[in-house]
N, C-alpha and C. Protein backbone atom coordinates (compact mmCIF):
# COMPACT_ATOMS: atom_id res chain seq x y z
N MET A 1 8.06 -29.07 -1.49
CA MET A 1 8.98 -28.11 -1.69
C MET A 1 8.50 -26.61 -2.16
N ARG A 2 8.19 -25.78 -1.49
CA ARG A 2 7.72 -24.33 -1.51
C ARG A 2 8.48 -23.65 -2.55
N ALA A 3 7.92 -22.92 -3.22
CA ALA A 3 8.32 -21.97 -4.05
C ALA A 3 9.36 -20.88 -3.58
N SER A 4 10.49 -20.68 -4.16
CA SER A 4 11.38 -19.80 -3.62
C SER A 4 10.73 -18.32 -3.17
N ALA A 5 9.54 -17.74 -3.98
CA ALA A 5 8.91 -16.44 -3.58
C ALA A 5 8.47 -16.74 -1.93
N GLU A 6 7.80 -17.94 -1.69
CA GLU A 6 7.18 -18.25 -0.48
C GLU A 6 8.17 -18.28 0.57
N VAL A 7 9.44 -18.91 0.38
CA VAL A 7 10.31 -18.87 1.33
C VAL A 7 10.92 -17.42 1.35
N TYR A 8 11.14 -16.78 0.32
CA TYR A 8 11.67 -15.34 0.83
C TYR A 8 10.69 -14.70 1.57
N ILE A 9 9.41 -14.99 1.37
CA ILE A 9 8.43 -13.94 2.07
C ILE A 9 8.45 -14.51 3.63
N ASP A 10 8.68 -15.98 3.72
CA ASP A 10 8.64 -16.47 5.00
C ASP A 10 9.90 -15.69 5.95
N MET A 11 11.16 -15.77 5.28
CA MET A 11 12.19 -15.20 5.74
C MET A 11 12.36 -13.77 6.04
N LYS A 12 11.76 -13.18 5.06
CA LYS A 12 11.47 -11.52 5.33
C LYS A 12 10.43 -11.19 6.42
N LEU A 13 9.42 -12.09 6.43
CA LEU A 13 8.63 -11.97 7.86
C LEU A 13 9.16 -12.10 9.10
N MET A 14 9.95 -13.01 9.10
CA MET A 14 10.61 -13.45 10.27
C MET A 14 11.45 -12.31 10.73
N VAL A 15 12.20 -11.45 9.62
CA VAL A 15 13.15 -10.35 9.84
C VAL A 15 12.16 -9.27 10.29
N LEU A 16 11.03 -9.00 9.47
CA LEU A 16 10.34 -7.94 9.88
C LEU A 16 9.72 -7.95 11.07
N GLU A 17 9.46 -9.07 11.66
CA GLU A 17 8.80 -9.09 12.99
C GLU A 17 9.49 -8.69 14.10
N TYR A 18 10.97 -8.76 13.86
CA TYR A 18 11.80 -8.08 14.87
C TYR A 18 12.07 -6.80 14.87
N GLU A 19 12.45 -6.61 13.42
CA GLU A 19 12.90 -5.23 13.11
C GLU A 19 12.05 -4.12 12.53
N PHE A 20 10.77 -4.25 12.53
CA PHE A 20 9.50 -3.35 11.75
C PHE A 20 9.51 -2.15 12.67
N ASP A 21 9.61 -1.09 11.63
CA ASP A 21 9.89 0.25 12.14
C ASP A 21 8.32 0.72 11.83
N ILE A 22 7.65 1.43 12.90
CA ILE A 22 6.48 1.98 12.42
C ILE A 22 6.66 3.00 11.57
N LEU A 23 7.69 3.72 11.18
CA LEU A 23 7.85 4.56 9.72
C LEU A 23 8.19 3.70 8.93
N SER A 24 7.14 3.31 8.07
CA SER A 24 7.50 2.40 6.77
C SER A 24 7.34 3.12 5.88
N LEU A 25 7.80 2.34 4.67
CA LEU A 25 8.23 2.88 3.41
C LEU A 25 6.66 3.86 3.00
N ASN A 26 5.74 3.68 3.21
CA ASN A 26 4.22 4.32 2.77
C ASN A 26 4.71 5.85 3.41
N THR A 27 5.12 5.86 4.66
CA THR A 27 5.38 7.11 4.98
C THR A 27 6.10 7.85 4.48
N LEU A 28 7.26 7.07 4.28
CA LEU A 28 8.29 8.06 3.25
C LEU A 28 8.23 8.46 1.85
N PHE A 29 7.31 7.57 1.42
CA PHE A 29 6.61 7.90 0.15
C PHE A 29 5.79 8.97 0.03
N GLN A 30 4.98 8.86 1.27
CA GLN A 30 3.73 10.19 1.08
C GLN A 30 4.78 11.39 1.50
N SER A 31 5.87 11.56 2.40
CA SER A 31 6.42 12.44 2.65
C SER A 31 7.36 13.02 1.43
N ALA A 32 7.94 12.09 0.79
CA ALA A 32 8.50 12.68 -0.31
C ALA A 32 7.31 13.17 -1.49
N SER A 33 6.37 12.33 -1.81
CA SER A 33 5.12 13.05 -2.35
C SER A 33 5.01 14.54 -2.24
N MET A 34 4.57 14.74 -0.84
CA MET A 34 4.37 16.14 -0.38
C MET A 34 5.34 17.06 -0.71
N TRP A 35 6.61 16.45 -0.40
CA TRP A 35 7.70 17.38 -0.83
C TRP A 35 7.82 17.86 -2.17
N LEU A 36 7.77 16.75 -2.90
CA LEU A 36 7.83 17.03 -4.53
C LEU A 36 6.85 18.09 -4.94
N CYS A 37 5.47 18.18 -4.30
CA CYS A 37 4.51 18.80 -4.58
C CYS A 37 4.74 20.39 -4.27
N LYS A 38 5.26 20.43 -3.28
CA LYS A 38 5.58 21.50 -2.67
C LYS A 38 6.81 22.23 -3.88
N TRP A 39 7.81 21.30 -3.99
CA TRP A 39 8.90 21.94 -4.79
C TRP A 39 8.47 22.24 -6.34
N ALA A 40 7.44 21.57 -6.80
CA ALA A 40 6.68 21.85 -8.03
C ALA A 40 6.29 23.09 -7.96
N GLY A 41 5.80 23.81 -7.11
CA GLY A 41 5.07 24.92 -6.88
C GLY A 41 3.91 24.98 -7.34
N HIS A 42 3.30 25.95 -8.22
CA HIS A 42 1.99 26.02 -8.58
C HIS A 42 2.05 25.66 -10.35
N ARG A 43 2.70 24.84 -10.87
CA ARG A 43 2.73 24.68 -12.04
C ARG A 43 1.81 23.73 -12.67
N LYS A 44 0.39 23.92 -12.10
CA LYS A 44 -0.80 23.11 -12.79
C LYS A 44 -1.12 23.73 -13.98
N SER A 45 -0.86 22.92 -15.02
CA SER A 45 -1.39 23.47 -16.47
C SER A 45 -2.76 23.18 -16.82
N ARG A 46 -3.19 22.13 -15.95
CA ARG A 46 -4.69 21.66 -16.13
C ARG A 46 -5.39 21.12 -14.87
N LYS A 47 -6.45 21.30 -14.69
CA LYS A 47 -7.44 20.75 -13.72
C LYS A 47 -7.14 19.39 -13.47
N THR A 48 -6.74 18.90 -12.38
CA THR A 48 -6.48 17.49 -12.01
C THR A 48 -7.44 17.33 -10.76
N SER A 49 -7.94 16.03 -10.77
CA SER A 49 -8.90 15.42 -9.65
C SER A 49 -7.95 15.23 -8.34
N PRO A 50 -8.53 15.35 -7.09
CA PRO A 50 -7.67 15.47 -5.99
C PRO A 50 -7.38 13.80 -5.71
N PRO A 51 -5.97 13.63 -5.08
CA PRO A 51 -5.87 12.21 -4.91
C PRO A 51 -6.45 11.32 -3.93
N TYR A 52 -6.70 9.96 -4.09
CA TYR A 52 -7.22 9.04 -3.06
C TYR A 52 -6.38 8.30 -2.62
N ARG A 53 -6.47 8.01 -1.65
CA ARG A 53 -5.73 6.75 -0.74
C ARG A 53 -6.58 5.74 -0.93
N VAL A 54 -5.90 4.57 -0.95
CA VAL A 54 -6.32 3.29 -0.99
C VAL A 54 -5.66 2.61 0.21
N ILE A 55 -6.64 2.04 1.15
CA ILE A 55 -6.41 1.46 2.48
C ILE A 55 -6.53 0.41 2.35
N LEU A 56 -5.57 -0.50 3.16
CA LEU A 56 -5.95 -2.05 3.43
C LEU A 56 -5.68 -1.80 4.84
N HIS A 57 -7.03 -2.75 5.12
CA HIS A 57 -7.06 -3.16 6.65
C HIS A 57 -6.87 -4.47 7.13
N ASN A 58 -6.43 -4.80 8.36
CA ASN A 58 -6.16 -5.77 8.56
C ASN A 58 -7.36 -6.68 8.89
N ASP A 59 -7.09 -7.82 8.80
CA ASP A 59 -8.22 -8.99 9.08
C ASP A 59 -7.80 -10.12 9.60
N ASN A 60 -8.47 -11.13 10.31
CA ASN A 60 -7.90 -12.37 10.92
C ASN A 60 -8.13 -13.42 10.34
N PHE A 61 -8.68 -13.23 8.73
CA PHE A 61 -9.05 -14.36 8.07
C PHE A 61 -7.68 -14.79 6.90
N ASN A 62 -7.07 -14.06 6.38
CA ASN A 62 -6.17 -14.04 5.40
C ASN A 62 -4.73 -14.34 5.90
N ARG A 63 -4.02 -15.37 5.18
CA ARG A 63 -2.67 -15.58 5.64
C ARG A 63 -1.87 -14.39 4.82
N ARG A 64 -0.88 -13.93 5.49
CA ARG A 64 -0.03 -12.56 5.42
C ARG A 64 0.80 -12.88 4.11
N GLU A 65 0.90 -14.36 3.64
CA GLU A 65 1.61 -14.07 2.50
C GLU A 65 0.69 -14.03 1.13
N TYR A 66 -0.63 -14.55 1.30
CA TYR A 66 -1.76 -14.37 0.70
C TYR A 66 -1.93 -12.84 0.13
N VAL A 67 -2.09 -12.00 1.18
CA VAL A 67 -2.15 -10.67 1.20
C VAL A 67 -1.05 -10.17 0.19
N VAL A 68 0.17 -10.24 0.53
CA VAL A 68 1.33 -10.10 -0.18
C VAL A 68 1.11 -10.25 -1.55
N GLN A 69 0.92 -11.39 -1.87
CA GLN A 69 0.34 -11.98 -3.38
C GLN A 69 -0.58 -11.24 -4.09
N VAL A 70 -1.81 -10.96 -3.22
CA VAL A 70 -2.77 -10.41 -3.94
C VAL A 70 -2.38 -8.73 -4.34
N LEU A 71 -1.66 -8.14 -3.25
CA LEU A 71 -1.25 -6.71 -3.49
C LEU A 71 -0.28 -6.43 -4.92
N MET A 72 0.67 -7.86 -4.91
CA MET A 72 1.50 -7.57 -6.06
C MET A 72 0.70 -7.82 -7.30
N LYS A 73 -0.58 -8.75 -7.07
CA LYS A 73 -1.43 -8.70 -8.49
C LYS A 73 -2.17 -7.59 -8.67
N VAL A 74 -2.51 -6.88 -8.21
CA VAL A 74 -3.51 -5.96 -8.11
C VAL A 74 -3.07 -4.66 -8.17
N ILE A 75 -1.83 -4.34 -7.60
CA ILE A 75 -1.62 -2.90 -7.86
C ILE A 75 -0.38 -2.83 -8.61
N PRO A 76 -0.41 -2.04 -9.95
CA PRO A 76 0.84 -2.18 -10.85
C PRO A 76 2.15 -1.45 -10.12
N GLY A 77 2.93 -2.27 -10.55
CA GLY A 77 4.30 -1.75 -10.18
C GLY A 77 4.74 -2.31 -8.63
N MET A 78 3.86 -2.75 -8.03
CA MET A 78 4.10 -3.16 -6.76
C MET A 78 4.97 -4.25 -6.49
N THR A 79 6.05 -3.98 -5.81
CA THR A 79 7.18 -4.93 -5.29
C THR A 79 7.03 -5.81 -4.52
N LEU A 80 7.78 -6.62 -4.43
CA LEU A 80 7.67 -7.65 -3.12
C LEU A 80 7.89 -7.13 -1.87
N ASP A 81 9.28 -6.43 -1.60
CA ASP A 81 9.14 -5.44 -0.64
C ASP A 81 8.02 -4.47 -0.18
N ASN A 82 7.69 -3.91 -1.11
CA ASN A 82 6.62 -2.69 -0.74
C ASN A 82 5.47 -3.57 -0.34
N ALA A 83 4.99 -4.71 -1.09
CA ALA A 83 3.84 -5.33 -0.52
C ALA A 83 3.91 -5.98 1.08
N VAL A 84 5.05 -6.73 1.12
CA VAL A 84 5.62 -7.03 2.38
C VAL A 84 5.31 -5.70 3.70
N ASN A 85 5.79 -4.86 3.27
CA ASN A 85 5.76 -3.56 4.22
C ASN A 85 4.42 -3.27 4.38
N ILE A 86 3.52 -3.19 3.47
CA ILE A 86 2.26 -2.63 3.69
C ILE A 86 1.45 -3.71 4.50
N MET A 87 1.79 -5.02 3.80
CA MET A 87 0.93 -6.04 4.88
C MET A 87 1.32 -5.93 6.15
N GLN A 88 2.75 -5.79 6.52
CA GLN A 88 3.18 -5.50 8.04
C GLN A 88 2.38 -4.35 8.81
N GLU A 89 2.46 -3.33 7.97
CA GLU A 89 2.09 -2.17 8.63
C GLU A 89 0.42 -2.43 8.84
N ALA A 90 -0.23 -2.75 8.09
CA ALA A 90 -1.89 -3.45 8.26
C ALA A 90 -1.95 -4.33 9.59
N HIS A 91 -1.04 -5.32 9.26
CA HIS A 91 -1.06 -6.41 10.80
C HIS A 91 -0.77 -5.73 11.68
N TYR A 92 0.20 -4.90 11.92
CA TYR A 92 0.56 -4.46 13.04
C TYR A 92 -0.18 -3.00 13.61
N ASN A 93 -0.56 -2.12 12.88
CA ASN A 93 -1.37 -0.92 13.08
C ASN A 93 -2.91 -0.91 12.47
N GLY A 94 -3.29 -1.97 11.99
CA GLY A 94 -4.82 -1.94 11.92
C GLY A 94 -5.18 -1.50 10.61
N LEU A 95 -4.28 -0.86 10.05
CA LEU A 95 -4.52 -0.42 8.22
C LEU A 95 -3.27 0.08 7.94
N SER A 96 -3.08 0.26 6.23
CA SER A 96 -1.83 0.76 5.67
C SER A 96 -2.16 1.34 4.70
N VAL A 97 -1.77 2.42 3.87
CA VAL A 97 -2.07 2.90 2.90
C VAL A 97 -1.32 2.15 1.77
N VAL A 98 -1.98 1.75 0.85
CA VAL A 98 -1.39 0.96 -0.08
C VAL A 98 -0.67 1.74 -1.70
N VAL A 99 -1.73 2.92 -1.79
CA VAL A 99 -1.07 3.77 -2.81
C VAL A 99 -2.23 4.98 -2.95
N ILE A 100 -1.69 6.07 -3.29
CA ILE A 100 -2.40 7.15 -3.39
C ILE A 100 -2.36 7.55 -4.90
N CYS A 101 -3.73 7.83 -5.60
CA CYS A 101 -4.00 7.63 -7.02
C CYS A 101 -5.11 8.57 -7.31
N SER A 102 -5.47 8.66 -8.35
CA SER A 102 -6.89 9.03 -8.64
C SER A 102 -8.01 8.51 -8.19
N GLN A 103 -9.13 9.05 -7.96
CA GLN A 103 -10.21 8.62 -7.58
C GLN A 103 -10.77 7.30 -8.50
N ALA A 104 -10.83 7.43 -9.29
CA ALA A 104 -11.20 6.33 -10.35
C ALA A 104 -10.58 5.02 -10.26
N ASP A 105 -8.96 5.19 -10.18
CA ASP A 105 -8.14 4.22 -9.77
C ASP A 105 -8.03 3.72 -8.64
N ALA A 106 -8.27 4.77 -7.74
CA ALA A 106 -8.26 3.97 -6.06
C ALA A 106 -9.93 3.13 -5.92
N GLU A 107 -10.66 3.67 -6.41
CA GLU A 107 -11.91 3.02 -6.64
C GLU A 107 -11.71 1.58 -7.18
N GLU A 108 -10.76 1.52 -8.54
CA GLU A 108 -10.74 0.21 -8.98
C GLU A 108 -9.79 -0.74 -8.30
N HIS A 109 -8.93 -0.04 -7.89
CA HIS A 109 -7.88 -1.14 -6.96
C HIS A 109 -8.61 -1.43 -5.60
N CYS A 110 -9.47 -0.72 -4.79
CA CYS A 110 -10.40 -1.34 -3.72
C CYS A 110 -11.17 -2.30 -4.11
N MET A 111 -11.59 -2.28 -5.45
CA MET A 111 -12.72 -3.46 -5.74
C MET A 111 -11.97 -4.78 -6.00
N GLN A 112 -10.70 -4.51 -6.64
CA GLN A 112 -10.04 -5.71 -6.83
C GLN A 112 -9.54 -6.36 -5.67
N LEU A 113 -9.06 -5.45 -4.55
CA LEU A 113 -8.38 -6.08 -3.38
C LEU A 113 -9.75 -6.96 -2.51
N ARG A 114 -11.06 -6.05 -2.52
CA ARG A 114 -12.22 -6.76 -2.03
C ARG A 114 -12.66 -8.05 -2.84
N GLY A 115 -12.29 -7.77 -3.99
CA GLY A 115 -12.66 -9.10 -4.87
C GLY A 115 -12.00 -10.35 -4.86
N ASN A 116 -10.76 -9.98 -4.11
CA ASN A 116 -9.70 -11.17 -3.71
C ASN A 116 -9.92 -11.24 -2.32
N GLY A 117 -10.86 -10.89 -1.41
CA GLY A 117 -11.08 -11.37 -0.15
C GLY A 117 -10.54 -10.33 0.86
N LEU A 118 -9.74 -9.24 0.44
CA LEU A 118 -9.20 -8.63 1.94
C LEU A 118 -10.07 -7.33 1.90
N LEU A 119 -9.64 -6.59 2.99
CA LEU A 119 -10.58 -5.60 3.38
C LEU A 119 -9.83 -4.32 3.11
N SER A 120 -10.81 -3.53 2.41
CA SER A 120 -9.93 -2.04 1.82
C SER A 120 -11.00 -0.97 1.68
N SER A 121 -10.62 0.05 1.59
CA SER A 121 -11.33 1.43 1.61
C SER A 121 -10.57 2.35 0.96
N ILE A 122 -11.26 3.39 0.34
CA ILE A 122 -10.78 4.76 -0.08
C ILE A 122 -10.85 5.86 0.78
N GLU A 123 -10.02 6.63 0.67
CA GLU A 123 -10.40 8.15 1.29
C GLU A 123 -9.80 9.15 0.39
N PRO A 124 -10.09 10.27 0.50
CA PRO A 124 -9.40 11.68 0.12
C PRO A 124 -8.07 11.57 0.68
N ALA A 125 -6.98 11.83 0.25
CA ALA A 125 -6.03 12.20 0.65
C ALA A 125 -5.59 13.61 0.83
N THR A 126 -5.78 13.95 2.06
CA THR A 126 -5.84 15.56 2.47
C THR A 126 -4.12 15.80 2.75
N GLY A 127 -3.58 17.06 2.34
CA GLY A 127 -2.26 17.43 2.31
C GLY A 127 -1.68 16.70 1.02
N GLY A 128 -2.18 16.63 0.25
CA GLY A 128 -1.37 15.92 -1.39
C GLY A 128 -1.58 17.29 -2.13
N CYS A 129 -1.05 17.13 -3.31
CA CYS A 129 -0.85 18.17 -4.41
C CYS A 129 -2.09 18.52 -4.74
């Protein structure tokens, strides 16, 4: 008997295969982040490093359930729903933004994803704060 999380992931994948919308949660989070940056104005009290994107690339080797499990293990605060949406976007579009964070954190997350056999990269997050 499979664990309930695996059954949930399988059911979620079946639903998402029919209802997947290209406008994923990642896009919504990025839009919200950009809006918050504009709303906050120029209230930068200290010099901050530019944000970086951690990008997950699709591959033909790893099972989708495994990708979801790795995302939840590696990225702090990653929920099952967000992990499934990120995996789906990478699967259908070739890549997906996992998280936007500092360069040091992005490099660490990228190395951890790679260490678990996933294809990932980082890039500067243009248009961010």
